[in-house]
Amino acid sequence: MSLERTDQYVKELEAIKNYEKVKAENASLLARVRELKLRLSCITGKVEELLQVIKNLEGQVRARDEEIESLRCSRTLPSGMGGNEAMNHISPYKPIKSRTSYRCRTA
């Protein structure tokens, strides 16, 4: 047997000897990857939900700004009505209900 062939044979024997450890480590790492994918999916869902909430709030702010501007330009307010009195004519803020029941399971 040549030296190179002997060296290759020893490497193969070491690989066979360590096979169970490598197999267990691989299974452990695959479980960790699955866990991280699940967490990432959960976080992505929350981000999408929060982006929708932000979009809804921006729409409410825009509508509110338009309503305020409309009241500023309107001549229907009694003369001498100040800023606070004018604000009383604006419809009350209606809070947005977000879906907070989004649950993530962790492995």
PDB file of N, CA and C in Angstrom:
ATOM      1  N   MET A   1       0.826  -1.177   0.000  1.00  0.00           N
ATOM      2  CA  MET A   1       0.000   0.000   0.000  1.00  0.00           C
ATOM      3  C   MET A   1       0.873   1.244   0.000  1.00  0.00           C
ATOM      4  N   SER A   2       0.482   2.193  -0.820  1.00  0.00           N
ATOM      5  CA  SER A   2       1.245   3.432  -0.872  1.00  0.00           C
ATOM      6  C   SER A   2       0.883   4.318   0.320  1.00  0.00           C
ATOM      7  N   LEU A   3       1.724   5.274   0.576  1.00  0.00           N
ATOM      8  CA  LEU A   3       1.520   6.188   1.706  1.00  0.00           C
ATOM      9  C   LEU A   3       0.237   7.008   1.525  1.00  0.00           C
ATOM     10  N   GLU A   4      -0.035   7.474   0.307  1.00  0.00           N
ATOM     11  CA  GLU A   4      -1.240   8.256   0.032  1.00  0.00           C
ATOM     12  C   GLU A   4      -2.493   7.410   0.252  1.00  0.00           C
ATOM     13  N   ARG A   5      -2.437   6.176  -0.180  1.00  0.00           N
ATOM     14  CA  ARG A   5      -3.591   5.289  -0.037  1.00  0.00           C
ATOM     15  C   ARG A   5      -3.837   4.968   1.440  1.00  0.00           C
ATOM     16  N   THR A   6      -2.772   4.786   2.184  1.00  0.00           N
ATOM     17  CA  THR A   6      -2.890   4.531   3.621  1.00  0.00           C
ATOM     18  C   THR A   6      -3.483   5.742   4.323  1.00  0.00           C
ATOM     19  N   ASP A   7      -3.024   6.910   3.944  1.00  0.00           N
ATOM     20  CA  ASP A   7      -3.547   8.153   4.531  1.00  0.00           C
ATOM     21  C   ASP A   7      -5.040   8.295   4.230  1.00  0.00           C
ATOM     22  N   GLN A   8      -5.444   8.005   3.011  1.00  0.00           N
ATOM     23  CA  GLN A   8      -6.856   8.066   2.621  1.00  0.00           C
ATOM     24  C   GLN A   8      -7.674   7.051   3.422  1.00  0.00           C
ATOM     25  N   TYR A   9      -7.137   5.863   3.611  1.00  0.00           N
ATOM     26  CA  TYR A   9      -7.817   4.816   4.366  1.00  0.00           C
ATOM     27  C   TYR A   9      -8.032   5.248   5.829  1.00  0.00           C
ATOM     28  N   VAL A  10      -7.011   5.874   6.426  1.00  0.00           N
ATOM     29  CA  VAL A  10      -7.113   6.354   7.811  1.00  0.00           C
ATOM     30  C   VAL A  10      -8.188   7.443   7.904  1.00  0.00           C
ATOM     31  N   LYS A  11      -8.235   8.341   6.948  1.00  0.00           N
ATOM     32  CA  LYS A  11      -9.252   9.396   6.940  1.00  0.00           C
ATOM     33  C   LYS A  11     -10.655   8.803   6.841  1.00  0.00           C
ATOM     34  N   GLU A  12     -10.816   7.786   6.014  1.00  0.00           N
ATOM     35  CA  GLU A  12     -12.121   7.138   5.878  1.00  0.00           C
ATOM     36  C   GLU A  12     -12.530   6.459   7.177  1.00  0.00           C
ATOM     37  N   LEU A  13     -11.563   5.809   7.844  1.00  0.00           N
ATOM     38  CA  LEU A  13     -11.852   5.160   9.121  1.00  0.00           C
ATOM     39  C   LEU A  13     -12.253   6.186  10.184  1.00  0.00           C
ATOM     40  N   GLU A  14     -11.583   7.334  10.211  1.00  0.00           N
ATOM     41  CA  GLU A  14     -11.936   8.391  11.159  1.00  0.00           C
ATOM     42  C   GLU A  14     -13.326   8.943  10.863  1.00  0.00           C
ATOM     43  N   ALA A  15     -13.649   9.060   9.574  1.00  0.00           N
ATOM     44  CA  ALA A  15     -14.975   9.548   9.200  1.00  0.00           C
ATOM     45  C   ALA A  15     -16.050   8.564   9.647  1.00  0.00           C
ATOM     46  N   ILE A  16     -15.779   7.274   9.487  1.00  0.00           N
ATOM     47  CA  ILE A  16     -16.731   6.253   9.933  1.00  0.00           C
ATOM     48  C   ILE A  16     -16.861   6.300  11.450  1.00  0.00           C
ATOM     49  N   LYS A  17     -15.740   6.464  12.135  1.00  0.00           N
ATOM     50  CA  LYS A  17     -15.731   6.523  13.604  1.00  0.00           C
ATOM     51  C   LYS A  17     -16.566   7.710  14.108  1.00  0.00           C
ATOM     52  N   ASN A  18     -16.487   8.845  13.438  1.00  0.00           N
ATOM     53  CA  ASN A  18     -17.172  10.067  13.863  1.00  0.00           C
ATOM     54  C   ASN A  18     -18.559  10.221  13.245  1.00  0.00           C
ATOM     55  N   TYR A  19     -19.022   9.253  12.479  1.00  0.00           N
ATOM     56  CA  TYR A  19     -20.282   9.373  11.746  1.00  0.00           C
ATOM     57  C   TYR A  19     -21.465   9.669  12.664  1.00  0.00           C
ATOM     58  N   GLU A  20     -21.606   8.972  13.769  1.00  0.00           N
ATOM     59  CA  GLU A  20     -22.740   9.170  14.669  1.00  0.00           C
ATOM     60  C   GLU A  20     -22.738  10.581  15.267  1.00  0.00           C
ATOM     61  N   LYS A  21     -21.550  11.068  15.634  1.00  0.00           N
ATOM     62  CA  LYS A  21     -21.468  12.440  16.172  1.00  0.00           C
ATOM     63  C   LYS A  21     -21.864  13.462  15.120  1.00  0.00           C
ATOM     64  N   VAL A  22     -21.369  13.263  13.920  1.00  0.00           N
ATOM     65  CA  VAL A  22     -21.682  14.188  12.828  1.00  0.00           C
ATOM     66  C   VAL A  22     -23.170  14.133  12.503  1.00  0.00           C
ATOM     67  N   LYS A  23     -23.722  12.926  12.492  1.00  0.00           N
ATOM     68  CA  LYS A  23     -25.152  12.761  12.211  1.00  0.00           C
ATOM     69  C   LYS A  23     -25.994  13.455  13.292  1.00  0.00           C
ATOM     70  N   ALA A  24     -25.630  13.308  14.552  1.00  0.00           N
ATOM     71  CA  ALA A  24     -26.358  13.954  15.646  1.00  0.00           C
ATOM     72  C   ALA A  24     -26.235  15.472  15.563  1.00  0.00           C
ATOM     73  N   GLU A  25     -25.047  15.949  15.255  1.00  0.00           N
ATOM     74  CA  GLU A  25     -24.842  17.402  15.123  1.00  0.00           C
ATOM     75  C   GLU A  25     -25.667  17.954  13.968  1.00  0.00           C
ATOM     76  N   ASN A  26     -25.719  17.212  12.872  1.00  0.00           N
ATOM     77  CA  ASN A  26     -26.508  17.631  11.715  1.00  0.00           C
ATOM     78  C   ASN A  26     -27.993  17.710  12.078  1.00  0.00           C
ATOM     79  N   ALA A  27     -28.500  16.716  12.802  1.00  0.00           N
ATOM     80  CA  ALA A  27     -29.905  16.721  13.217  1.00  0.00           C
ATOM     81  C   ALA A  27     -30.190  17.901  14.142  1.00  0.00           C
ATOM     82  N   SER A  28     -29.271  18.181  15.039  1.00  0.00           N
ATOM     83  CA  SER A  28     -29.431  19.305  15.955  1.00  0.00           C
ATOM     84  C   SER A  28     -29.469  20.627  15.196  1.00  0.00           C
ATOM     85  N   LEU A  29     -28.584  20.769  14.242  1.00  0.00           N
ATOM     86  CA  LEU A  29     -28.544  22.003  13.456  1.00  0.00           C
ATOM     87  C   LEU A  29     -29.786  22.154  12.587  1.00  0.00           C
ATOM     88  N   LEU A  30     -30.291  21.053  12.050  1.00  0.00           N
ATOM     89  CA  LEU A  30     -31.523  21.122  11.260  1.00  0.00           C
ATOM     90  C   LEU A  30     -32.707  21.544  12.129  1.00  0.00           C
ATOM     91  N   ALA A  31     -32.755  21.058  13.362  1.00  0.00           N
ATOM     92  CA  ALA A  31     -33.823  21.464  14.282  1.00  0.00           C
ATOM     93  C   ALA A  31     -33.719  22.950  14.586  1.00  0.00           C
ATOM     94  N   ARG A  32     -32.501  23.425  14.765  1.00  0.00           N
ATOM     95  CA  ARG A  32     -32.285  24.856  15.038  1.00  0.00           C
ATOM     96  C   ARG A  32     -32.724  25.710  13.844  1.00  0.00           C
ATOM     97  N   VAL A  33     -32.426  25.251  12.644  1.00  0.00           N
ATOM     98  CA  VAL A  33     -32.837  25.971  11.433  1.00  0.00           C
ATOM     99  C   VAL A  33     -34.360  26.037  11.360  1.00  0.00           C
ATOM    100  N   ARG A  34     -35.045  24.907  11.658  1.00  0.00           N
ATOM    101  CA  ARG A  34     -36.508  24.914  11.647  1.00  0.00           C
ATOM    102  C   ARG A  34     -37.058  25.899  12.674  1.00  0.00           C
ATOM    103  N   GLU A  35     -36.458  25.919  13.854  1.00  0.00           N
ATOM    104  CA  GLU A  35     -36.889  26.839  14.906  1.00  0.00           C
ATOM    105  C   GLU A  35     -36.713  28.292  14.467  1.00  0.00           C
ATOM    106  N   LEU A  36     -35.575  28.593  13.860  1.00  0.00           N
ATOM    107  CA  LEU A  36     -35.313  29.964  13.412  1.00  0.00           C
ATOM    108  C   LEU A  36     -36.252  30.371  12.281  1.00  0.00           C
ATOM    109  N   LYS A  37     -36.567  29.437  11.386  1.00  0.00           N
ATOM    110  CA  LYS A  37     -37.512  29.737  10.311  1.00  0.00           C
ATOM    111  C   LYS A  37     -38.893  30.050  10.878  1.00  0.00           C
ATOM    112  N   LEU A  38     -39.294  29.307  11.906  1.00  0.00           N
ATOM    113  CA  LEU A  38     -40.582  29.552  12.544  1.00  0.00           C
ATOM    114  C   LEU A  38     -40.600  30.929  13.201  1.00  0.00           C
ATOM    115  N   ARG A  39     -39.541  31.262  13.907  1.00  0.00           N
ATOM    116  CA  ARG A  39     -39.456  32.580  14.544  1.00  0.00           C
ATOM    117  C   ARG A  39     -39.467  33.685  13.499  1.00  0.00           C
ATOM    118  N   LEU A  40     -38.744  33.475  12.408  1.00  0.00           N
ATOM    119  CA  LEU A  40     -38.712  34.474  11.340  1.00  0.00           C
ATOM    120  C   LEU A  40     -40.099  34.653  10.736  1.00  0.00           C
ATOM    121  N   SER A  41     -40.813  33.570  10.537  1.00  0.00           N
ATOM    122  CA  SER A  41     -42.164  33.637  10.006  1.00  0.00           C
ATOM    123  C   SER A  41     -43.076  34.423  10.946  1.00  0.00           C
ATOM    124  N   CYS A  42     -42.936  34.174  12.224  1.00  0.00           N
ATOM    125  CA  CYS A  42     -43.733  34.875  13.237  1.00  0.00           C
ATOM    126  C   CYS A  42     -43.438  36.374  13.206  1.00  0.00           C
ATOM    127  N   ILE A  43     -42.175  36.714  13.185  1.00  0.00           N
ATOM    128  CA  ILE A  43     -41.769  38.119  13.175  1.00  0.00           C
ATOM    129  C   ILE A  43     -42.228  38.794  11.887  1.00  0.00           C
ATOM    130  N   THR A  44     -42.128  38.096  10.773  1.00  0.00           N
ATOM    131  CA  THR A  44     -42.577  38.645   9.497  1.00  0.00           C
ATOM    132  C   THR A  44     -44.077  38.936   9.547  1.00  0.00           C
ATOM    133  N   GLY A  45     -44.842  38.029  10.157  1.00  0.00           N
ATOM    134  CA  GLY A  45     -46.283  38.252  10.298  1.00  0.00           C
ATOM    135  C   GLY A  45     -46.581  39.478  11.135  1.00  0.00           C
ATOM    136  N   LYS A  46     -45.835  39.646  12.217  1.00  0.00           N
ATOM    137  CA  LYS A  46     -46.036  40.821  13.072  1.00  0.00           C
ATOM    138  C   LYS A  46     -45.679  42.105  12.327  1.00  0.00           C
ATOM    139  N   VAL A  47     -44.596  42.073  11.564  1.00  0.00           N
ATOM    140  CA  VAL A  47     -44.182  43.256  10.800  1.00  0.00           C
ATOM    141  C   VAL A  47     -45.257  43.622   9.784  1.00  0.00           C
ATOM    142  N   GLU A  48     -45.802  42.618   9.097  1.00  0.00           N
ATOM    143  CA  GLU A  48     -46.867  42.894   8.124  1.00  0.00           C
ATOM    144  C   GLU A  48     -48.091  43.497   8.813  1.00  0.00           C
ATOM    145  N   GLU A  49     -48.428  42.961   9.975  1.00  0.00           N
ATOM    146  CA  GLU A  49     -49.564  43.494  10.728  1.00  0.00           C
ATOM    147  C   GLU A  49     -49.313  44.941  11.136  1.00  0.00           C
ATOM    148  N   LEU A  50     -48.116  45.230  11.632  1.00  0.00           N
ATOM    149  CA  LEU A  50     -47.793  46.592  12.063  1.00  0.00           C
ATOM    150  C   LEU A  50     -47.743  47.555  10.878  1.00  0.00           C
ATOM    151  N   LEU A  51     -47.271  47.091   9.735  1.00  0.00           N
ATOM    152  CA  LEU A  51     -47.277  47.948   8.545  1.00  0.00           C
ATOM    153  C   LEU A  51     -48.705  48.316   8.152  1.00  0.00           C
ATOM    154  N   GLN A  52     -49.625  47.366   8.292  1.00  0.00           N
ATOM    155  CA  GLN A  52     -51.027  47.652   7.987  1.00  0.00           C
ATOM    156  C   GLN A  52     -51.601  48.654   8.980  1.00  0.00           C
ATOM    157  N   VAL A  53     -51.246  48.501  10.258  1.00  0.00           N
ATOM    158  CA  VAL A  53     -51.706  49.454  11.275  1.00  0.00           C
ATOM    159  C   VAL A  53     -51.183  50.851  10.952  1.00  0.00           C
ATOM    160  N   ILE A  54     -49.911  50.941  10.579  1.00  0.00           N
ATOM    161  CA  ILE A  54     -49.318  52.234  10.228  1.00  0.00           C
ATOM    162  C   ILE A  54     -50.046  52.839   9.031  1.00  0.00           C
ATOM    163  N   LYS A  55     -50.329  52.016   8.039  1.00  0.00           N
ATOM    164  CA  LYS A  55     -51.036  52.512   6.856  1.00  0.00           C
ATOM    165  C   LYS A  55     -52.411  53.053   7.241  1.00  0.00           C
ATOM    166  N   ASN A  56     -53.121  52.322   8.107  1.00  0.00           N
ATOM    167  CA  ASN A  56     -54.440  52.787   8.557  1.00  0.00           C
ATOM    168  C   ASN A  56     -54.334  54.085   9.344  1.00  0.00           C
ATOM    169  N   LEU A  57     -53.349  54.165  10.220  1.00  0.00           N
ATOM    170  CA  LEU A  57     -53.164  55.393  11.013  1.00  0.00           C
ATOM    171  C   LEU A  57     -52.797  56.579  10.134  1.00  0.00           C
ATOM    172  N   GLU A  58     -51.962  56.339   9.133  1.00  0.00           N
ATOM    173  CA  GLU A  58     -51.617  57.427   8.212  1.00  0.00           C
ATOM    174  C   GLU A  58     -52.867  57.926   7.495  1.00  0.00           C
ATOM    175  N   GLY A  59     -53.749  56.997   7.108  1.00  0.00           N
ATOM    176  CA  GLY A  59     -55.005  57.385   6.466  1.00  0.00           C
ATOM    177  C   GLY A  59     -55.873  58.208   7.404  1.00  0.00           C
ATOM    178  N   GLN A  60     -55.911  57.812   8.671  1.00  0.00           N
ATOM    179  CA  GLN A  60     -56.697  58.571   9.647  1.00  0.00           C
ATOM    180  C   GLN A  60     -56.110  59.963   9.856  1.00  0.00           C
ATOM    181  N   VAL A  61     -54.793  60.047   9.921  1.00  0.00           N
ATOM    182  CA  VAL A  61     -54.136  61.348  10.099  1.00  0.00           C
ATOM    183  C   VAL A  61     -54.416  62.234   8.882  1.00  0.00           C
ATOM    184  N   ARG A  62     -54.317  61.649   7.701  1.00  0.00           N
ATOM    185  CA  ARG A  62     -54.574  62.410   6.483  1.00  0.00           C
ATOM    186  C   ARG A  62     -56.017  62.927   6.467  1.00  0.00           C
ATOM    187  N   ALA A  63     -56.961  62.060   6.823  1.00  0.00           N
ATOM    188  CA  ALA A  63     -58.373  62.472   6.857  1.00  0.00           C
ATOM    189  C   ALA A  63     -58.575  63.556   7.902  1.00  0.00           C
ATOM    190  N   ARG A  64     -57.925  63.409   9.034  1.00  0.00           N
ATOM    191  CA  ARG A  64     -58.033  64.400  10.112  1.00  0.00           C
ATOM    192  C   ARG A  64     -57.464  65.747   9.667  1.00  0.00           C
ATOM    193  N   ASP A  65     -56.310  65.701   9.003  1.00  0.00           N
ATOM    194  CA  ASP A  65     -55.709  66.939   8.492  1.00  0.00           C
ATOM    195  C   ASP A  65     -56.625  67.628   7.490  1.00  0.00           C
ATOM    196  N   GLU A  66     -57.247  66.826   6.616  1.00  0.00           N
ATOM    197  CA  GLU A  66     -58.173  67.398   5.642  1.00  0.00           C
ATOM    198  C   GLU A  66     -59.379  68.017   6.347  1.00  0.00           C
ATOM    199  N   GLU A  67     -59.851  67.356   7.390  1.00  0.00           N
ATOM    200  CA  GLU A  67     -60.989  67.886   8.139  1.00  0.00           C
ATOM    201  C   GLU A  67     -60.614  69.193   8.835  1.00  0.00           C
ATOM    202  N   ILE A  68     -59.428  69.247   9.417  1.00  0.00           N
ATOM    203  CA  ILE A  68     -58.967  70.472  10.077  1.00  0.00           C
ATOM    204  C   ILE A  68     -58.819  71.593   9.061  1.00  0.00           C
ATOM    205  N   GLU A  69     -58.215  71.281   7.924  1.00  0.00           N
ATOM    206  CA  GLU A  69     -58.041  72.300   6.887  1.00  0.00           C
ATOM    207  C   GLU A  69     -59.398  72.778   6.375  1.00  0.00           C
ATOM    208  N   SER A  70     -60.320  71.849   6.246  1.00  0.00           N
ATOM    209  CA  SER A  70     -61.661  72.206   5.803  1.00  0.00           C
ATOM    210  C   SER A  70     -62.318  73.157   6.801  1.00  0.00           C
ATOM    211  N   LEU A  71     -62.137  72.901   8.091  1.00  0.00           N
ATOM    212  CA  LEU A  71     -62.719  73.772   9.110  1.00  0.00           C
ATOM    213  C   LEU A  71     -62.050  75.144   9.124  1.00  0.00           C
ATOM    214  N   ARG A  72     -60.748  75.156   8.850  1.00  0.00           N
ATOM    215  CA  ARG A  72     -60.052  76.447   8.804  1.00  0.00           C
ATOM    216  C   ARG A  72     -60.586  77.314   7.677  1.00  0.00           C
ATOM    217  N   CYS A  73     -60.833  76.663   6.555  1.00  0.00           N
ATOM    218  CA  CYS A  73     -61.282  77.403   5.375  1.00  0.00           C
ATOM    219  C   CYS A  73     -62.784  77.670   5.393  1.00  0.00           C
ATOM    220  N   SER A  74     -63.487  76.955   6.220  1.00  0.00           N
ATOM    221  CA  SER A  74     -64.942  77.057   6.246  1.00  0.00           C
ATOM    222  C   SER A  74     -65.382  78.385   6.859  1.00  0.00           C
ATOM    223  N   ARG A  75     -66.472  78.916   6.331  1.00  0.00           N
ATOM    224  CA  ARG A  75     -67.027  80.146   6.883  1.00  0.00           C
ATOM    225  C   ARG A  75     -68.230  79.838   7.765  1.00  0.00           C
ATOM    226  N   THR A  76     -68.425  78.549   8.043  1.00  0.00           N
ATOM    227  CA  THR A  76     -69.600  78.175   8.824  1.00  0.00           C
ATOM    228  C   THR A  76     -69.361  78.301  10.321  1.00  0.00           C
ATOM    229  N   LEU A  77     -68.112  78.497  10.738  1.00  0.00           N
ATOM    230  CA  LEU A  77     -67.839  78.659  12.155  1.00  0.00           C
ATOM    231  C   LEU A  77     -68.275  80.053  12.596  1.00  0.00           C
ATOM    232  N   PRO A  78     -68.875  80.149  13.738  1.00  0.00           N
ATOM    233  CA  PRO A  78     -69.272  81.468  14.240  1.00  0.00           C
ATOM    234  C   PRO A  78     -68.049  82.355  14.416  1.00  0.00           C
ATOM    235  N   SER A  79     -68.220  83.623  14.181  1.00  0.00           N
ATOM    236  CA  SER A  79     -67.086  84.539  14.293  1.00  0.00           C
ATOM    237  C   SER A  79     -66.605  84.579  15.730  1.00  0.00           C
ATOM    238  N   GLY A  80     -65.318  84.710  15.900  1.00  0.00           N
ATOM    239  CA  GLY A  80     -64.735  84.790  17.219  1.00  0.00           C
ATOM    240  C   GLY A  80     -64.464  83.428  17.839  1.00  0.00           C
ATOM    241  N   MET A  81     -64.787  82.358  17.125  1.00  0.00           N
ATOM    242  CA  MET A  81     -64.546  81.028  17.676  1.00  0.00           C
ATOM    243  C   MET A  81     -63.050  80.743  17.586  1.00  0.00           C
ATOM    244  N   GLY A  82     -62.452  80.416  18.706  1.00  0.00           N
ATOM    245  CA  GLY A  82     -61.013  80.170  18.758  1.00  0.00           C
ATOM    246  C   GLY A  82     -60.656  78.760  18.336  1.00  0.00           C
ATOM    247  N   GLY A  83     -59.362  78.462  18.447  1.00  0.00           N
ATOM    248  CA  GLY A  83     -58.850  77.158  18.024  1.00  0.00           C
ATOM    249  C   GLY A  83     -59.464  76.003  18.787  1.00  0.00           C
ATOM    250  N   ASN A  84     -59.582  76.132  20.121  1.00  0.00           N
ATOM    251  CA  ASN A  84     -60.150  75.044  20.910  1.00  0.00           C
ATOM    252  C   ASN A  84     -61.619  74.831  20.587  1.00  0.00           C
ATOM    253  N   GLU A  85     -62.327  75.922  20.390  1.00  0.00           N
ATOM    254  CA  GLU A  85     -63.744  75.803  20.056  1.00  0.00           C
ATOM    255  C   GLU A  85     -63.913  75.180  18.676  1.00  0.00           C
ATOM    256  N   ALA A  86     -63.044  75.545  17.766  1.00  0.00           N
ATOM    257  CA  ALA A  86     -63.107  74.961  16.423  1.00  0.00           C
ATOM    258  C   ALA A  86     -62.812  73.468  16.475  1.00  0.00           C
ATOM    259  N   MET A  87     -61.884  73.086  17.339  1.00  0.00           N
ATOM    260  CA  MET A  87     -61.535  71.670  17.453  1.00  0.00           C
ATOM    261  C   MET A  87     -62.707  70.863  17.987  1.00  0.00           C
ATOM    262  N   ASN A  88     -63.597  71.486  18.776  1.00  0.00           N
ATOM    263  CA  ASN A  88     -64.766  70.783  19.286  1.00  0.00           C
ATOM    264  C   ASN A  88     -65.738  70.415  18.173  1.00  0.00           C
ATOM    265  N   HIS A  89     -65.667  71.117  17.054  1.00  0.00           N
ATOM    266  CA  HIS A  89     -66.523  70.815  15.917  1.00  0.00           C
ATOM    267  C   HIS A  89     -66.019  69.618  15.120  1.00  0.00           C
ATOM    268  N   ILE A  90     -64.771  69.253  15.339  1.00  0.00           N
ATOM    269  CA  ILE A  90     -64.191  68.123  14.612  1.00  0.00           C
ATOM    270  C   ILE A  90     -64.687  66.831  15.246  1.00  0.00           C
ATOM    271  N   SER A  91     -65.003  65.872  14.416  1.00  0.00           N
ATOM    272  CA  SER A  91     -65.511  64.600  14.958  1.00  0.00           C
ATOM    273  C   SER A  91     -64.472  63.978  15.879  1.00  0.00           C
ATOM    274  N   PRO A  92     -64.925  63.313  16.919  1.00  0.00           N
ATOM    275  CA  PRO A  92     -63.973  62.726  17.866  1.00  0.00           C
ATOM    276  C   PRO A  92     -63.145  61.629  17.205  1.00  0.00           C
ATOM    277  N   TYR A  93     -61.952  61.491  17.686  1.00  0.00           N
ATOM    278  CA  TYR A  93     -61.040  60.481  17.162  1.00  0.00           C
ATOM    279  C   TYR A  93     -61.600  59.091  17.452  1.00  0.00           C
ATOM    280  N   LYS A  94     -61.630  58.264  16.446  1.00  0.00           N
ATOM    281  CA  LYS A  94     -62.089  56.896  16.612  1.00  0.00           C
ATOM    282  C   LYS A  94     -60.875  55.991  16.540  1.00  0.00           C
ATOM    283  N   PRO A  95     -60.497  55.385  17.671  1.00  0.00           N
ATOM    284  CA  PRO A  95     -59.290  54.569  17.664  1.00  0.00           C
ATOM    285  C   PRO A  95     -59.446  53.344  16.772  1.00  0.00           C
ATOM    286  N   ILE A  96     -58.357  52.970  16.152  1.00  0.00           N
ATOM    287  CA  ILE A  96     -58.329  51.800  15.289  1.00  0.00           C
ATOM    288  C   ILE A  96     -58.086  50.570  16.153  1.00  0.00           C
ATOM    289  N   LYS A  97     -58.815  49.535  15.871  1.00  0.00           N
ATOM    290  CA  LYS A  97     -58.612  48.291  16.599  1.00  0.00           C
ATOM    291  C   LYS A  97     -57.702  47.411  15.753  1.00  0.00           C
ATOM    292  N   SER A  98     -56.533  47.112  16.301  1.00  0.00           N
ATOM    293  CA  SER A  98     -55.621  46.249  15.564  1.00  0.00           C
ATOM    294  C   SER A  98     -55.801  44.822  16.042  1.00  0.00           C
ATOM    295  N   ARG A  99     -55.443  43.917  15.177  1.00  0.00           N
ATOM    296  CA  ARG A  99     -55.533  42.504  15.527  1.00  0.00           C
ATOM    297  C   ARG A  99     -54.318  42.148  16.362  1.00  0.00           C
ATOM    298  N   THR A 100     -54.519  42.031  17.656  1.00  0.00           N
ATOM    299  CA  THR A 100     -53.402  41.723  18.546  1.00  0.00           C
ATOM    300  C   THR A 100     -53.416  40.270  18.971  1.00  0.00           C
ATOM    301  N   SER A 101     -54.287  39.493  18.369  1.00  0.00           N
ATOM    302  CA  SER A 101     -54.374  38.096  18.768  1.00  0.00           C
ATOM    303  C   SER A 101     -53.406  37.224  17.983  1.00  0.00           C
ATOM    304  N   TYR A 102     -52.548  37.808  17.179  1.00  0.00           N
ATOM    305  CA  TYR A 102     -51.591  37.050  16.399  1.00  0.00           C
ATOM    306  C   TYR A 102     -50.642  36.342  17.356  1.00  0.00           C
ATOM    307  N   ARG A 103     -50.670  35.056  17.320  1.00  0.00           N
ATOM    308  CA  ARG A 103     -49.841  34.266  18.231  1.00  0.00           C
ATOM    309  C   ARG A 103     -48.813  33.493  17.430  1.00  0.00           C
ATOM    310  N   CYS A 104     -47.644  33.411  18.003  1.00  0.00           N
ATOM    311  CA  CYS A 104     -46.570  32.634  17.388  1.00  0.00           C
ATOM    312  C   CYS A 104     -46.233  31.488  18.316  1.00  0.00           C
ATOM    313  N   ARG A 105     -46.097  30.336  17.723  1.00  0.00           N
ATOM    314  CA  ARG A 105     -45.645  29.255  18.578  1.00  0.00           C
ATOM    315  C   ARG A 105     -44.157  29.079  18.374  1.00  0.00           C
ATOM    316  N   THR A 106     -43.501  28.787  19.442  1.00  0.00           N
ATOM    317  CA  THR A 106     -42.067  28.553  19.359  1.00  0.00           C
ATOM    318  C   THR A 106     -41.808  27.104  19.682  1.00  0.00           C
ATOM    319  N   ALA A 107     -40.870  26.558  18.962  1.00  0.00           N
ATOM    320  CA  ALA A 107     -40.557  25.132  19.149  1.00  0.00           C
ATOM    321  C   ALA A 107     -39.621  24.946  20.307  1.00  0.00           C
TER     322      ALA A 107
END
